[in-house]
Amino acid sequence: MAPYEALCGRKCRTPLCWFKTGENLVLGPDMIQQTTKKIKMIRDKLRATQIRQKSYADKKRQPL
């Protein structure tokens, strides 16, 4: 069992399952390009969120 399955109780969705139902399935290089774009977008959003949370934590941090 994968750690994600143990933690969340369901299987992890791969990038192949990220497309909405009813979308035309794209195969080959187009699918790779779309998946790469989505992964980059997710990383950028996570990075922005981490920066925002760090700035909030730094404001409340007091020196030892």
N, C-alpha and C. Protein backbone atom coordinates (compact mmCIF):
# COMPACT_ATOMS: atom_id res chain seq x y z
N MET A 1 0.85 -1.18 0.00
CA MET A 1 0.00 0.00 0.00
C MET A 1 0.90 1.24 0.00
N ALA A 2 0.56 2.18 -0.82
CA ALA A 2 1.31 3.42 -0.90
C ALA A 2 1.00 4.29 0.32
N PRO A 3 1.94 5.15 0.74
CA PRO A 3 1.68 6.02 1.89
C PRO A 3 0.44 6.89 1.70
N TYR A 4 0.21 7.37 0.48
CA TYR A 4 -0.96 8.19 0.20
C TYR A 4 -2.25 7.40 0.46
N GLU A 5 -2.26 6.13 0.02
CA GLU A 5 -3.44 5.29 0.23
C GLU A 5 -3.69 5.08 1.72
N ALA A 6 -2.63 4.85 2.48
CA ALA A 6 -2.78 4.63 3.92
C ALA A 6 -3.29 5.88 4.61
N LEU A 7 -2.82 7.04 4.18
CA LEU A 7 -3.20 8.30 4.82
C LEU A 7 -4.61 8.74 4.44
N CYS A 8 -4.92 8.69 3.16
CA CYS A 8 -6.20 9.23 2.67
C CYS A 8 -7.28 8.18 2.45
N GLY A 9 -6.88 6.91 2.37
CA GLY A 9 -7.87 5.86 2.19
C GLY A 9 -8.34 5.69 0.77
N ARG A 10 -7.63 6.22 -0.19
CA ARG A 10 -7.98 6.04 -1.60
C ARG A 10 -6.71 6.04 -2.44
N LYS A 11 -6.83 5.58 -3.66
CA LYS A 11 -5.67 5.51 -4.53
C LYS A 11 -5.30 6.89 -5.05
N CYS A 12 -4.03 7.09 -5.25
CA CYS A 12 -3.54 8.35 -5.78
C CYS A 12 -3.86 8.43 -7.27
N ARG A 13 -4.36 9.58 -7.70
CA ARG A 13 -4.66 9.77 -9.11
C ARG A 13 -3.39 10.17 -9.84
N THR A 14 -3.11 9.50 -10.92
CA THR A 14 -1.94 9.83 -11.72
C THR A 14 -2.28 10.99 -12.64
N PRO A 15 -1.27 11.62 -13.24
CA PRO A 15 -1.55 12.71 -14.18
C PRO A 15 -2.45 12.30 -15.34
N LEU A 16 -2.50 11.01 -15.64
CA LEU A 16 -3.36 10.55 -16.73
C LEU A 16 -4.83 10.73 -16.40
N CYS A 17 -5.17 10.80 -15.11
CA CYS A 17 -6.58 10.93 -14.70
C CYS A 17 -6.97 12.37 -14.42
N TRP A 18 -6.12 13.33 -14.72
CA TRP A 18 -6.41 14.72 -14.38
C TRP A 18 -7.36 15.39 -15.36
N PHE A 19 -7.68 14.74 -16.44
CA PHE A 19 -8.55 15.36 -17.43
C PHE A 19 -10.00 15.17 -17.03
N LYS A 20 -10.83 16.16 -17.29
CA LYS A 20 -12.23 16.10 -16.91
C LYS A 20 -12.96 15.08 -17.78
N THR A 21 -14.05 14.56 -17.23
CA THR A 21 -14.85 13.63 -18.00
C THR A 21 -15.51 14.39 -19.13
N GLY A 22 -15.55 13.80 -20.26
CA GLY A 22 -16.13 14.45 -21.42
C GLY A 22 -15.11 15.18 -22.27
N GLU A 23 -13.91 15.39 -21.75
CA GLU A 23 -12.88 16.01 -22.56
C GLU A 23 -12.40 14.99 -23.59
N ASN A 24 -12.03 15.50 -24.74
CA ASN A 24 -11.46 14.60 -25.73
C ASN A 24 -10.11 14.11 -25.22
N LEU A 25 -9.91 12.82 -25.28
CA LEU A 25 -8.63 12.29 -24.83
C LEU A 25 -7.56 12.62 -25.85
N VAL A 26 -6.49 13.16 -25.39
CA VAL A 26 -5.39 13.54 -26.24
C VAL A 26 -4.27 12.54 -25.99
N LEU A 27 -3.67 12.04 -27.04
CA LEU A 27 -2.65 11.03 -26.88
C LEU A 27 -1.31 11.55 -27.39
N GLY A 28 -0.27 10.95 -26.91
CA GLY A 28 1.07 11.25 -27.40
C GLY A 28 1.65 12.52 -26.82
N PRO A 29 2.40 13.27 -27.65
CA PRO A 29 3.10 14.47 -27.17
C PRO A 29 2.17 15.54 -26.59
N ASP A 30 0.96 15.64 -27.11
CA ASP A 30 0.02 16.64 -26.58
C ASP A 30 -0.33 16.34 -25.13
N MET A 31 -0.55 15.07 -24.83
CA MET A 31 -0.90 14.69 -23.46
C MET A 31 0.28 14.97 -22.53
N ILE A 32 1.48 14.67 -22.98
CA ILE A 32 2.67 14.93 -22.18
C ILE A 32 2.82 16.42 -21.93
N GLN A 33 2.60 17.23 -22.95
CA GLN A 33 2.72 18.67 -22.81
C GLN A 33 1.67 19.22 -21.86
N GLN A 34 0.43 18.77 -21.97
CA GLN A 34 -0.63 19.24 -21.08
C GLN A 34 -0.35 18.83 -19.63
N THR A 35 0.11 17.60 -19.44
CA THR A 35 0.41 17.12 -18.10
C THR A 35 1.56 17.92 -17.50
N THR A 36 2.58 18.20 -18.30
CA THR A 36 3.71 19.00 -17.83
C THR A 36 3.27 20.40 -17.43
N LYS A 37 2.38 21.00 -18.21
CA LYS A 37 1.86 22.33 -17.88
C LYS A 37 1.10 22.30 -16.56
N LYS A 38 0.28 21.27 -16.36
CA LYS A 38 -0.50 21.17 -15.12
C LYS A 38 0.42 20.97 -13.92
N ILE A 39 1.45 20.15 -14.06
CA ILE A 39 2.39 19.94 -12.96
C ILE A 39 3.10 21.24 -12.63
N LYS A 40 3.52 22.01 -13.66
CA LYS A 40 4.18 23.30 -13.43
C LYS A 40 3.24 24.27 -12.71
N MET A 41 1.97 24.29 -13.12
CA MET A 41 1.00 25.18 -12.49
C MET A 41 0.82 24.80 -11.02
N ILE A 42 0.74 23.50 -10.73
CA ILE A 42 0.58 23.05 -9.35
C ILE A 42 1.78 23.45 -8.51
N ARG A 43 2.99 23.26 -9.06
CA ARG A 43 4.20 23.63 -8.32
C ARG A 43 4.24 25.13 -8.05
N ASP A 44 3.86 25.93 -9.05
CA ASP A 44 3.86 27.38 -8.86
C ASP A 44 2.87 27.81 -7.78
N LYS A 45 1.68 27.20 -7.78
CA LYS A 45 0.69 27.54 -6.76
C LYS A 45 1.15 27.11 -5.37
N LEU A 46 1.76 25.92 -5.29
CA LEU A 46 2.28 25.47 -4.00
C LEU A 46 3.38 26.39 -3.50
N ARG A 47 4.26 26.82 -4.38
CA ARG A 47 5.35 27.72 -4.00
C ARG A 47 4.79 29.04 -3.50
N ALA A 48 3.79 29.59 -4.20
CA ALA A 48 3.18 30.86 -3.77
C ALA A 48 2.51 30.70 -2.40
N THR A 49 1.85 29.58 -2.20
CA THR A 49 1.19 29.33 -0.91
C THR A 49 2.22 29.21 0.21
N GLN A 50 3.32 28.51 -0.05
CA GLN A 50 4.36 28.37 0.96
C GLN A 50 4.96 29.71 1.32
N ILE A 51 5.20 30.55 0.34
CA ILE A 51 5.76 31.88 0.60
C ILE A 51 4.79 32.71 1.44
N ARG A 52 3.50 32.64 1.10
CA ARG A 52 2.49 33.40 1.85
C ARG A 52 2.41 32.91 3.29
N GLN A 53 2.39 31.60 3.49
CA GLN A 53 2.32 31.05 4.84
C GLN A 53 3.58 31.38 5.64
N LYS A 54 4.74 31.38 4.99
CA LYS A 54 5.99 31.72 5.68
C LYS A 54 5.96 33.17 6.13
N SER A 55 5.44 34.05 5.29
CA SER A 55 5.40 35.46 5.68
C SER A 55 4.47 35.66 6.88
N TYR A 56 3.34 34.93 6.94
CA TYR A 56 2.45 35.02 8.10
C TYR A 56 3.15 34.50 9.35
N ALA A 57 3.86 33.38 9.22
CA ALA A 57 4.55 32.80 10.37
C ALA A 57 5.69 33.71 10.85
N ASP A 58 6.39 34.34 9.91
CA ASP A 58 7.50 35.21 10.29
C ASP A 58 7.02 36.44 11.05
N LYS A 59 5.83 36.93 10.73
CA LYS A 59 5.30 38.10 11.43
C LYS A 59 5.03 37.79 12.90
N LYS A 60 4.60 36.57 13.18
CA LYS A 60 4.25 36.20 14.56
C LYS A 60 5.42 35.61 15.33
N ARG A 61 6.52 35.32 14.66
CA ARG A 61 7.68 34.72 15.31
C ARG A 61 8.36 35.74 16.20
N GLN A 62 8.74 35.29 17.38
CA GLN A 62 9.43 36.17 18.31
C GLN A 62 10.85 35.64 18.53
N PRO A 63 11.82 36.53 18.71
CA PRO A 63 13.18 36.06 18.93
C PRO A 63 13.31 35.33 20.26
N LEU A 64 14.20 34.36 20.30
CA LEU A 64 14.40 33.58 21.53
C LEU A 64 15.14 34.37 22.57
